N, C-alpha and C. Protein backbone atom coordinates (compact mmCIF):
# COMPACT_ATOMS: atom_id res chain seq x y z
N MET A 1 28.48 8.24 3.02
CA MET A 1 27.37 8.07 3.92
C MET A 1 27.16 6.58 4.18
N LEU A 2 26.99 6.23 5.44
CA LEU A 2 26.76 4.84 5.82
C LEU A 2 25.29 4.48 5.60
N ALA A 3 25.06 3.27 5.12
CA ALA A 3 23.70 2.78 4.98
C ALA A 3 23.14 2.49 6.37
N SER A 4 21.86 2.71 6.55
CA SER A 4 21.21 2.44 7.82
C SER A 4 21.16 0.94 8.08
N THR A 5 21.36 0.56 9.32
CA THR A 5 21.22 -0.85 9.69
C THR A 5 19.89 -1.10 10.39
N LYS A 6 19.05 -0.08 10.40
CA LYS A 6 17.75 -0.18 11.04
C LYS A 6 16.83 -1.07 10.21
N PRO A 7 16.23 -2.11 10.84
CA PRO A 7 15.32 -2.98 10.09
C PRO A 7 14.06 -2.20 9.70
N PHE A 8 13.64 -2.40 8.46
CA PHE A 8 12.48 -1.65 8.00
C PHE A 8 11.89 -2.32 6.77
N VAL A 9 10.57 -2.29 6.67
CA VAL A 9 9.86 -2.65 5.45
C VAL A 9 8.66 -1.72 5.36
N ASP A 10 8.36 -1.29 4.17
CA ASP A 10 7.27 -0.36 3.93
C ASP A 10 5.94 -1.11 4.04
N ILE A 11 5.13 -0.75 5.04
CA ILE A 11 3.85 -1.43 5.25
C ILE A 11 2.94 -1.28 4.03
N ASN A 12 3.05 -0.17 3.32
CA ASN A 12 2.23 0.01 2.11
C ASN A 12 2.64 -0.98 1.02
N ALA A 13 3.92 -1.26 0.92
CA ALA A 13 4.39 -2.26 -0.06
C ALA A 13 3.86 -3.64 0.31
N ILE A 14 3.85 -3.95 1.60
CA ILE A 14 3.29 -5.24 2.05
C ILE A 14 1.82 -5.32 1.68
N ARG A 15 1.09 -4.27 1.98
CA ARG A 15 -0.35 -4.26 1.69
C ARG A 15 -0.62 -4.34 0.19
N ASN A 16 0.19 -3.65 -0.62
CA ASN A 16 0.03 -3.73 -2.08
C ASN A 16 0.27 -5.15 -2.58
N THR A 17 1.28 -5.81 -2.01
CA THR A 17 1.57 -7.20 -2.38
C THR A 17 0.43 -8.11 -1.95
N GLN A 18 -0.06 -7.91 -0.75
CA GLN A 18 -1.21 -8.70 -0.28
C GLN A 18 -2.41 -8.52 -1.21
N ASP A 19 -2.68 -7.28 -1.59
CA ASP A 19 -3.81 -7.01 -2.48
C ASP A 19 -3.62 -7.68 -3.84
N ALA A 20 -2.39 -7.62 -4.37
CA ALA A 20 -2.13 -8.23 -5.68
C ALA A 20 -2.33 -9.74 -5.63
N VAL A 21 -1.82 -10.38 -4.58
CA VAL A 21 -1.96 -11.84 -4.46
C VAL A 21 -3.40 -12.21 -4.13
N ARG A 22 -4.07 -11.37 -3.36
CA ARG A 22 -5.48 -11.63 -3.05
C ARG A 22 -6.31 -11.62 -4.34
N SER A 23 -6.03 -10.68 -5.23
CA SER A 23 -6.82 -10.58 -6.46
C SER A 23 -6.36 -11.58 -7.53
N GLN A 24 -5.10 -12.01 -7.45
CA GLN A 24 -4.56 -13.02 -8.37
C GLN A 24 -3.77 -14.04 -7.56
N PRO A 25 -4.44 -15.00 -6.92
CA PRO A 25 -3.76 -15.95 -6.03
C PRO A 25 -2.58 -16.67 -6.68
N GLU A 26 -2.61 -16.86 -8.00
CA GLU A 26 -1.51 -17.53 -8.68
C GLU A 26 -0.18 -16.78 -8.54
N LEU A 27 -0.22 -15.47 -8.24
CA LEU A 27 1.01 -14.70 -8.02
C LEU A 27 1.74 -15.18 -6.76
N GLY A 28 1.03 -15.89 -5.90
CA GLY A 28 1.65 -16.41 -4.69
C GLY A 28 2.51 -17.64 -4.92
N ASN A 29 2.47 -18.20 -6.11
CA ASN A 29 3.28 -19.39 -6.43
C ASN A 29 4.66 -18.96 -6.91
N VAL A 30 5.65 -19.11 -6.04
CA VAL A 30 7.01 -18.65 -6.32
C VAL A 30 7.97 -19.82 -6.13
N THR A 31 8.95 -19.94 -7.03
CA THR A 31 10.00 -20.95 -6.91
C THR A 31 11.35 -20.25 -6.95
N PHE A 32 12.17 -20.52 -5.93
CA PHE A 32 13.54 -20.04 -5.90
C PHE A 32 14.42 -21.14 -6.47
N LYS A 33 15.44 -20.78 -7.22
CA LYS A 33 16.33 -21.78 -7.83
C LYS A 33 17.78 -21.42 -7.53
N VAL A 34 18.60 -22.46 -7.38
CA VAL A 34 20.06 -22.32 -7.37
C VAL A 34 20.62 -23.46 -8.21
N ARG A 35 21.82 -23.26 -8.69
CA ARG A 35 22.53 -24.29 -9.47
C ARG A 35 23.90 -24.46 -8.82
N GLY A 36 24.28 -25.73 -8.61
CA GLY A 36 25.55 -26.00 -7.95
C GLY A 36 26.43 -26.95 -8.73
N LYS A 37 27.74 -26.81 -8.52
CA LYS A 37 28.73 -27.68 -9.14
C LYS A 37 29.84 -27.93 -8.13
N SER A 38 30.26 -29.21 -8.02
CA SER A 38 31.31 -29.52 -7.04
C SER A 38 32.53 -28.65 -7.30
N ASN A 39 33.19 -28.33 -6.20
CA ASN A 39 34.31 -27.40 -6.24
C ASN A 39 35.55 -28.05 -5.62
N GLY A 40 35.61 -29.39 -5.67
CA GLY A 40 36.74 -30.12 -5.09
C GLY A 40 36.47 -30.51 -3.65
N GLY A 41 36.90 -31.69 -3.27
CA GLY A 41 36.68 -32.17 -1.91
C GLY A 41 35.20 -32.20 -1.59
N LEU A 42 34.83 -31.61 -0.49
CA LEU A 42 33.43 -31.57 -0.08
C LEU A 42 32.77 -30.24 -0.42
N ALA A 43 33.45 -29.38 -1.14
CA ALA A 43 32.95 -28.04 -1.45
C ALA A 43 32.05 -28.05 -2.68
N ILE A 44 31.13 -27.11 -2.71
CA ILE A 44 30.27 -26.90 -3.86
C ILE A 44 30.12 -25.40 -4.08
N ALA A 45 30.16 -25.01 -5.35
CA ALA A 45 29.92 -23.61 -5.72
C ALA A 45 28.51 -23.54 -6.29
N THR A 46 27.70 -22.66 -5.76
CA THR A 46 26.34 -22.49 -6.25
C THR A 46 26.13 -21.04 -6.65
N GLU A 47 25.15 -20.85 -7.50
CA GLU A 47 24.76 -19.49 -7.84
C GLU A 47 23.24 -19.46 -7.96
N THR A 48 22.71 -18.28 -7.76
CA THR A 48 21.26 -18.13 -7.84
C THR A 48 20.79 -18.36 -9.26
N GLY A 49 19.58 -18.88 -9.35
CA GLY A 49 18.94 -19.09 -10.65
C GLY A 49 17.79 -18.12 -10.82
N ALA A 50 16.98 -18.39 -11.80
CA ALA A 50 15.82 -17.55 -12.05
C ALA A 50 14.85 -17.64 -10.88
N LEU A 51 14.13 -16.57 -10.63
CA LEU A 51 13.03 -16.57 -9.69
C LEU A 51 11.77 -16.77 -10.52
N ILE A 52 11.03 -17.82 -10.21
CA ILE A 52 9.85 -18.16 -11.01
C ILE A 52 8.60 -17.81 -10.21
N GLN A 53 7.77 -16.96 -10.78
CA GLN A 53 6.52 -16.57 -10.14
C GLN A 53 5.38 -16.80 -11.11
N ASN A 54 4.43 -17.64 -10.70
CA ASN A 54 3.28 -17.95 -11.53
C ASN A 54 3.71 -18.47 -12.90
N GLY A 55 4.77 -19.28 -12.93
CA GLY A 55 5.24 -19.87 -14.18
C GLY A 55 6.13 -18.97 -15.02
N ASN A 56 6.30 -17.71 -14.62
CA ASN A 56 7.14 -16.77 -15.38
C ASN A 56 8.50 -16.64 -14.71
N ALA A 57 9.57 -16.83 -15.50
CA ALA A 57 10.92 -16.79 -14.97
C ALA A 57 11.50 -15.38 -15.05
N ASP A 58 11.99 -14.88 -13.91
CA ASP A 58 12.73 -13.62 -13.85
C ASP A 58 14.21 -14.00 -13.88
N GLU A 59 14.81 -13.89 -15.05
CA GLU A 59 16.21 -14.30 -15.23
C GLU A 59 17.20 -13.30 -14.66
N SER A 60 16.74 -12.14 -14.17
CA SER A 60 17.67 -11.12 -13.68
C SER A 60 18.45 -11.60 -12.46
N ARG A 61 17.95 -12.61 -11.77
CA ARG A 61 18.67 -13.14 -10.60
C ARG A 61 19.61 -14.28 -10.96
N ALA A 62 19.48 -14.84 -12.15
CA ALA A 62 20.32 -15.98 -12.55
C ALA A 62 21.78 -15.57 -12.56
N GLY A 63 22.57 -16.24 -11.73
CA GLY A 63 24.00 -15.96 -11.65
C GLY A 63 24.36 -14.69 -10.91
N LYS A 64 23.39 -14.01 -10.34
CA LYS A 64 23.65 -12.72 -9.68
C LYS A 64 24.44 -12.90 -8.39
N PHE A 65 24.17 -13.97 -7.66
CA PHE A 65 24.84 -14.21 -6.38
C PHE A 65 25.50 -15.58 -6.39
N SER A 66 26.72 -15.65 -5.83
CA SER A 66 27.47 -16.90 -5.76
C SER A 66 27.68 -17.28 -4.31
N LEU A 67 27.66 -18.58 -4.05
CA LEU A 67 27.84 -19.10 -2.70
C LEU A 67 28.80 -20.28 -2.76
N ILE A 68 29.66 -20.39 -1.77
CA ILE A 68 30.56 -21.53 -1.65
C ILE A 68 30.24 -22.24 -0.35
N SER A 69 30.07 -23.55 -0.42
CA SER A 69 29.81 -24.34 0.77
C SER A 69 30.90 -25.40 0.90
N ASP A 70 31.37 -25.60 2.10
CA ASP A 70 32.38 -26.61 2.41
C ASP A 70 32.20 -26.97 3.88
N GLU A 71 32.86 -27.99 4.29
CA GLU A 71 32.84 -28.36 5.70
C GLU A 71 34.12 -27.86 6.37
N PRO A 72 34.06 -27.60 7.67
CA PRO A 72 35.29 -27.26 8.41
C PRO A 72 36.27 -28.44 8.34
N THR A 73 37.53 -28.16 8.54
CA THR A 73 38.54 -29.23 8.49
C THR A 73 38.26 -30.31 9.53
N ALA A 74 37.70 -29.94 10.68
CA ALA A 74 37.38 -30.93 11.72
C ALA A 74 36.32 -31.92 11.24
N LEU A 75 35.56 -31.53 10.18
CA LEU A 75 34.52 -32.41 9.64
C LEU A 75 34.88 -32.86 8.22
N LEU A 76 36.20 -32.96 7.96
CA LEU A 76 36.77 -33.54 6.73
C LEU A 76 36.73 -32.63 5.51
N GLY A 77 36.33 -31.39 5.67
CA GLY A 77 36.34 -30.44 4.56
C GLY A 77 37.66 -29.70 4.49
N THR A 78 37.70 -28.71 3.62
CA THR A 78 38.90 -27.87 3.49
C THR A 78 38.63 -26.44 3.96
N ASP A 79 37.46 -26.20 4.54
CA ASP A 79 37.08 -24.93 5.15
C ASP A 79 37.22 -23.75 4.18
N THR A 80 36.76 -23.96 2.94
CA THR A 80 36.84 -22.89 1.93
C THR A 80 35.54 -22.10 1.82
N GLY A 81 34.54 -22.47 2.62
CA GLY A 81 33.27 -21.76 2.57
C GLY A 81 32.41 -22.07 3.78
N VAL A 82 31.26 -21.47 3.78
CA VAL A 82 30.29 -21.66 4.85
C VAL A 82 29.76 -23.09 4.79
N SER A 83 29.60 -23.73 5.94
CA SER A 83 29.11 -25.11 5.96
C SER A 83 27.62 -25.15 5.60
N PRO A 84 27.14 -26.30 5.11
CA PRO A 84 25.70 -26.41 4.85
C PRO A 84 24.85 -26.09 6.08
N ALA A 85 25.27 -26.52 7.26
CA ALA A 85 24.51 -26.21 8.48
C ALA A 85 24.47 -24.71 8.72
N GLU A 86 25.57 -24.03 8.46
CA GLU A 86 25.59 -22.57 8.63
C GLU A 86 24.70 -21.87 7.62
N TYR A 87 24.60 -22.44 6.40
CA TYR A 87 23.66 -21.88 5.42
C TYR A 87 22.22 -22.05 5.87
N VAL A 88 21.91 -23.18 6.51
CA VAL A 88 20.56 -23.37 7.05
C VAL A 88 20.29 -22.29 8.10
N LEU A 89 21.27 -22.04 8.97
CA LEU A 89 21.10 -21.00 9.99
C LEU A 89 20.98 -19.62 9.35
N GLN A 90 21.76 -19.37 8.31
CA GLN A 90 21.66 -18.09 7.59
C GLN A 90 20.28 -17.92 6.99
N ALA A 91 19.74 -18.99 6.41
CA ALA A 91 18.40 -18.92 5.82
C ALA A 91 17.37 -18.59 6.89
N LEU A 92 17.47 -19.22 8.04
CA LEU A 92 16.52 -18.95 9.12
C LEU A 92 16.71 -17.53 9.65
N ALA A 93 17.95 -17.11 9.82
CA ALA A 93 18.21 -15.75 10.30
C ALA A 93 17.68 -14.71 9.32
N GLY A 94 17.89 -14.94 8.04
CA GLY A 94 17.38 -14.01 7.03
C GLY A 94 15.88 -13.94 7.05
N CYS A 95 15.23 -15.09 7.13
CA CYS A 95 13.77 -15.13 7.15
C CYS A 95 13.22 -14.51 8.43
N TYR A 96 13.85 -14.77 9.55
CA TYR A 96 13.40 -14.16 10.81
C TYR A 96 13.51 -12.64 10.73
N THR A 97 14.57 -12.13 10.10
CA THR A 97 14.73 -10.69 9.97
C THR A 97 13.61 -10.09 9.13
N VAL A 98 13.33 -10.71 7.98
CA VAL A 98 12.23 -10.25 7.12
C VAL A 98 10.91 -10.33 7.88
N THR A 99 10.67 -11.45 8.54
CA THR A 99 9.41 -11.67 9.24
C THR A 99 9.23 -10.68 10.38
N LEU A 100 10.28 -10.48 11.18
CA LEU A 100 10.18 -9.52 12.29
C LEU A 100 9.93 -8.11 11.79
N ALA A 101 10.63 -7.72 10.72
CA ALA A 101 10.42 -6.38 10.17
C ALA A 101 8.99 -6.22 9.67
N ALA A 102 8.47 -7.25 8.99
CA ALA A 102 7.10 -7.18 8.47
C ALA A 102 6.07 -7.18 9.60
N LEU A 103 6.26 -8.05 10.60
CA LEU A 103 5.34 -8.07 11.73
C LEU A 103 5.34 -6.73 12.47
N ALA A 104 6.51 -6.18 12.68
CA ALA A 104 6.62 -4.89 13.37
C ALA A 104 5.93 -3.79 12.57
N ALA A 105 6.16 -3.77 11.26
CA ALA A 105 5.52 -2.75 10.42
C ALA A 105 4.01 -2.86 10.50
N GLY A 106 3.50 -4.08 10.49
CA GLY A 106 2.06 -4.29 10.57
C GLY A 106 1.45 -3.84 11.87
N LYS A 107 2.26 -3.82 12.93
CA LYS A 107 1.77 -3.40 14.25
C LYS A 107 2.15 -1.96 14.57
N GLY A 108 2.81 -1.29 13.60
CA GLY A 108 3.22 0.09 13.85
C GLY A 108 4.38 0.20 14.82
N ILE A 109 5.17 -0.86 14.96
CA ILE A 109 6.32 -0.87 15.86
C ILE A 109 7.56 -0.45 15.07
N ASP A 110 8.29 0.49 15.61
CA ASP A 110 9.52 0.97 14.99
C ASP A 110 10.70 0.24 15.63
N LEU A 111 11.31 -0.68 14.89
CA LEU A 111 12.47 -1.41 15.40
C LEU A 111 13.75 -0.64 15.11
N ASP A 112 14.62 -0.59 16.09
CA ASP A 112 15.93 0.05 15.90
C ASP A 112 16.99 -0.97 15.52
N GLY A 113 16.79 -2.22 15.93
CA GLY A 113 17.77 -3.25 15.62
C GLY A 113 17.25 -4.65 15.86
N ILE A 114 17.82 -5.58 15.09
CA ILE A 114 17.56 -7.01 15.26
C ILE A 114 18.92 -7.70 15.30
N GLU A 115 19.14 -8.50 16.34
CA GLU A 115 20.34 -9.32 16.42
C GLU A 115 19.90 -10.74 16.73
N LEU A 116 20.52 -11.68 16.02
CA LEU A 116 20.17 -13.08 16.19
C LEU A 116 21.43 -13.89 16.43
N GLU A 117 21.35 -14.84 17.34
CA GLU A 117 22.42 -15.82 17.52
C GLU A 117 21.77 -17.18 17.40
N LEU A 118 22.27 -17.98 16.45
CA LEU A 118 21.64 -19.25 16.12
C LEU A 118 22.60 -20.41 16.34
N GLY A 119 22.07 -21.54 16.73
CA GLY A 119 22.87 -22.75 16.91
C GLY A 119 22.19 -23.95 16.25
N PHE A 120 22.98 -24.80 15.63
CA PHE A 120 22.52 -26.01 14.94
C PHE A 120 23.19 -27.18 15.63
N ASP A 121 22.44 -27.94 16.41
CA ASP A 121 22.99 -29.08 17.15
C ASP A 121 22.79 -30.35 16.34
N ILE A 122 23.88 -31.08 16.12
CA ILE A 122 23.82 -32.32 15.35
C ILE A 122 24.64 -33.39 16.06
N ASP A 123 24.17 -34.61 16.00
CA ASP A 123 24.90 -35.76 16.53
C ASP A 123 25.41 -36.54 15.32
N LEU A 124 26.71 -36.50 15.07
CA LEU A 124 27.30 -37.14 13.90
C LEU A 124 27.17 -38.66 13.91
N ASN A 125 26.78 -39.24 15.05
CA ASN A 125 26.56 -40.69 15.09
C ASN A 125 25.48 -41.11 14.10
N GLY A 126 24.53 -40.24 13.84
CA GLY A 126 23.49 -40.53 12.86
C GLY A 126 24.01 -40.44 11.44
N PHE A 127 24.62 -39.31 11.08
CA PHE A 127 25.12 -39.11 9.72
C PHE A 127 26.18 -40.15 9.35
N LEU A 128 27.04 -40.48 10.30
CA LEU A 128 28.12 -41.43 10.03
C LEU A 128 27.65 -42.88 10.04
N GLY A 129 26.36 -43.10 10.30
CA GLY A 129 25.82 -44.46 10.29
C GLY A 129 26.24 -45.30 11.48
N LEU A 130 26.63 -44.66 12.57
CA LEU A 130 27.09 -45.39 13.75
C LEU A 130 25.97 -45.74 14.71
N ASN A 131 24.84 -45.04 14.58
CA ASN A 131 23.71 -45.31 15.44
C ASN A 131 22.43 -45.01 14.66
N ASP A 132 21.71 -46.06 14.28
CA ASP A 132 20.49 -45.91 13.48
C ASP A 132 19.37 -45.21 14.25
N ALA A 133 19.48 -45.15 15.57
CA ALA A 133 18.45 -44.50 16.38
C ALA A 133 18.62 -42.97 16.40
N VAL A 134 19.74 -42.49 15.88
CA VAL A 134 20.02 -41.05 15.88
C VAL A 134 19.73 -40.49 14.49
N ARG A 135 18.91 -39.46 14.41
CA ARG A 135 18.60 -38.87 13.11
C ARG A 135 19.84 -38.25 12.48
N LYS A 136 19.87 -38.20 11.18
CA LYS A 136 21.03 -37.68 10.45
C LYS A 136 21.09 -36.16 10.47
N GLY A 137 19.96 -35.53 10.65
CA GLY A 137 19.90 -34.07 10.63
C GLY A 137 20.03 -33.47 12.02
N ALA A 138 19.66 -32.22 12.09
CA ALA A 138 19.78 -31.47 13.34
C ALA A 138 18.95 -32.09 14.46
N GLN A 139 19.52 -32.09 15.65
CA GLN A 139 18.79 -32.50 16.84
C GLN A 139 17.95 -31.33 17.34
N GLY A 140 18.40 -30.14 17.02
CA GLY A 140 17.68 -28.93 17.42
C GLY A 140 18.35 -27.71 16.84
N ILE A 141 17.56 -26.66 16.66
CA ILE A 141 18.06 -25.36 16.25
C ILE A 141 17.55 -24.37 17.29
N ASN A 142 18.48 -23.58 17.82
CA ASN A 142 18.14 -22.61 18.86
C ASN A 142 18.43 -21.21 18.36
N VAL A 143 17.53 -20.28 18.66
CA VAL A 143 17.70 -18.90 18.21
C VAL A 143 17.49 -17.96 19.39
N ASP A 144 18.48 -17.14 19.67
CA ASP A 144 18.35 -16.06 20.64
C ASP A 144 18.11 -14.78 19.84
N VAL A 145 17.02 -14.09 20.16
CA VAL A 145 16.61 -12.90 19.42
C VAL A 145 16.75 -11.69 20.34
N LYS A 146 17.46 -10.67 19.85
CA LYS A 146 17.56 -9.40 20.57
C LYS A 146 16.93 -8.34 19.68
N LEU A 147 15.85 -7.74 20.17
CA LEU A 147 15.18 -6.66 19.46
C LEU A 147 15.35 -5.38 20.25
N THR A 148 15.67 -4.30 19.55
CA THR A 148 15.74 -3.00 20.21
C THR A 148 14.76 -2.06 19.54
N SER A 149 14.10 -1.28 20.38
CA SER A 149 13.13 -0.31 19.91
C SER A 149 13.01 0.77 20.97
N SER A 150 13.08 2.01 20.53
CA SER A 150 12.95 3.12 21.48
C SER A 150 11.48 3.42 21.79
N SER A 151 10.57 2.78 21.03
CA SER A 151 9.15 3.09 21.24
C SER A 151 8.30 1.90 21.68
N ALA A 152 8.75 0.67 21.44
CA ALA A 152 7.94 -0.51 21.78
C ALA A 152 8.24 -0.98 23.20
N SER A 153 7.23 -1.55 23.81
CA SER A 153 7.40 -2.11 25.15
C SER A 153 8.05 -3.49 25.05
N GLN A 154 8.55 -3.98 26.17
CA GLN A 154 9.12 -5.32 26.23
C GLN A 154 8.06 -6.35 25.84
N ALA A 155 6.84 -6.16 26.29
CA ALA A 155 5.75 -7.09 25.98
C ALA A 155 5.48 -7.11 24.47
N GLU A 156 5.53 -5.97 23.81
CA GLU A 156 5.31 -5.93 22.35
C GLU A 156 6.43 -6.66 21.61
N LEU A 157 7.66 -6.50 22.08
CA LEU A 157 8.80 -7.17 21.44
C LEU A 157 8.71 -8.68 21.67
N GLU A 158 8.32 -9.09 22.87
CA GLU A 158 8.15 -10.52 23.16
C GLU A 158 7.06 -11.12 22.28
N GLN A 159 6.00 -10.37 22.02
CA GLN A 159 4.92 -10.86 21.16
C GLN A 159 5.42 -11.07 19.73
N LEU A 160 6.27 -10.19 19.23
CA LEU A 160 6.84 -10.37 17.89
C LEU A 160 7.60 -11.69 17.81
N VAL A 161 8.40 -11.98 18.82
CA VAL A 161 9.18 -13.22 18.83
C VAL A 161 8.26 -14.44 18.93
N ARG A 162 7.20 -14.34 19.71
CA ARG A 162 6.24 -15.45 19.83
C ARG A 162 5.54 -15.74 18.50
N GLU A 163 5.40 -14.73 17.65
CA GLU A 163 4.72 -14.91 16.37
C GLU A 163 5.62 -15.53 15.29
N LEU A 164 6.92 -15.59 15.52
CA LEU A 164 7.84 -16.12 14.51
C LEU A 164 7.49 -17.53 14.02
N PRO A 165 7.23 -18.49 14.91
CA PRO A 165 6.95 -19.85 14.42
C PRO A 165 5.75 -19.94 13.47
N ASN A 166 4.77 -19.09 13.65
CA ASN A 166 3.58 -19.14 12.81
C ASN A 166 3.65 -18.20 11.61
N SER A 167 4.73 -17.44 11.49
CA SER A 167 4.81 -16.43 10.44
C SER A 167 5.98 -16.62 9.48
N SER A 168 7.05 -17.26 9.91
CA SER A 168 8.27 -17.38 9.11
C SER A 168 8.21 -18.59 8.16
N PRO A 169 8.31 -18.36 6.84
CA PRO A 169 8.29 -19.49 5.90
C PRO A 169 9.46 -20.48 6.10
N ILE A 170 10.64 -19.99 6.42
CA ILE A 170 11.78 -20.89 6.62
C ILE A 170 11.60 -21.67 7.93
N HIS A 171 11.09 -21.03 8.98
CA HIS A 171 10.79 -21.76 10.22
C HIS A 171 9.81 -22.89 9.91
N ASP A 172 8.75 -22.56 9.17
CA ASP A 172 7.75 -23.56 8.81
C ASP A 172 8.39 -24.72 8.02
N THR A 173 9.27 -24.37 7.08
CA THR A 173 9.94 -25.39 6.26
C THR A 173 10.79 -26.33 7.11
N LEU A 174 11.50 -25.77 8.09
CA LEU A 174 12.37 -26.58 8.94
C LEU A 174 11.58 -27.37 9.99
N ALA A 175 10.49 -26.82 10.48
CA ALA A 175 9.77 -27.43 11.58
C ALA A 175 8.74 -28.47 11.14
N ASN A 176 8.38 -28.47 9.87
CA ASN A 176 7.34 -29.37 9.38
C ASN A 176 7.84 -30.17 8.19
N PRO A 177 7.35 -31.39 8.05
CA PRO A 177 7.79 -32.20 6.91
C PRO A 177 7.50 -31.49 5.58
N VAL A 178 8.46 -31.56 4.68
CA VAL A 178 8.30 -30.99 3.35
C VAL A 178 8.82 -32.02 2.36
N SER A 179 8.16 -32.15 1.24
CA SER A 179 8.60 -33.11 0.23
C SER A 179 9.92 -32.64 -0.40
N VAL A 180 10.92 -33.49 -0.35
CA VAL A 180 12.20 -33.23 -0.99
C VAL A 180 12.49 -34.42 -1.90
N SER A 181 12.78 -34.16 -3.14
CA SER A 181 13.07 -35.26 -4.06
C SER A 181 14.40 -35.00 -4.76
N ALA A 182 15.09 -36.08 -5.04
CA ALA A 182 16.35 -36.02 -5.80
C ALA A 182 16.25 -37.05 -6.90
N ARG A 183 16.70 -36.68 -8.09
CA ARG A 183 16.66 -37.60 -9.21
C ARG A 183 17.93 -37.41 -10.04
N LEU A 184 18.36 -38.46 -10.64
CA LEU A 184 19.52 -38.42 -11.51
C LEU A 184 19.08 -37.94 -12.89
N VAL A 185 19.75 -36.93 -13.41
CA VAL A 185 19.45 -36.40 -14.75
C VAL A 185 20.72 -36.51 -15.60
N ARG A 186 20.53 -36.49 -16.89
CA ARG A 186 21.68 -36.53 -17.80
C ARG A 186 21.89 -35.20 -18.43
């Protein structure tokens, strides 16, 4: 039997989670962790770490998933894994999928499918230090969203997409300044 590809989240589970966090706001404090080690050249192998909620570590995710990141050969890598930019797009696509499913469930909209096409535009003149006026990161990220529903109107689907910027945690992280720190440890 094939697994369904229909996007879905149980609205009752969302409401139960909302109620739990409403009654214990500290449950809303969650930290995701990964651990990485160079894998030769520009590649890095990472794996998931513990999920920490309210100071309590759930070790069941530690090492559960592995990821390899590398650059394409055109960008001096050996093309042994997904590029960091593609992982950023994957993170946004994953979050948009969760967010759209949750928004639809909250509005009683039955989605039949979600398809996303994402682009990460970068000017390497910034990263390579050739032009200080060009930022090192993305110049822009573009997302084309295709939603299918046999019961929702076009206007309802358009409203879901309009709500993404104000509802998606990864969109918020990418669109607004966030503190990032790096430190040398022994």
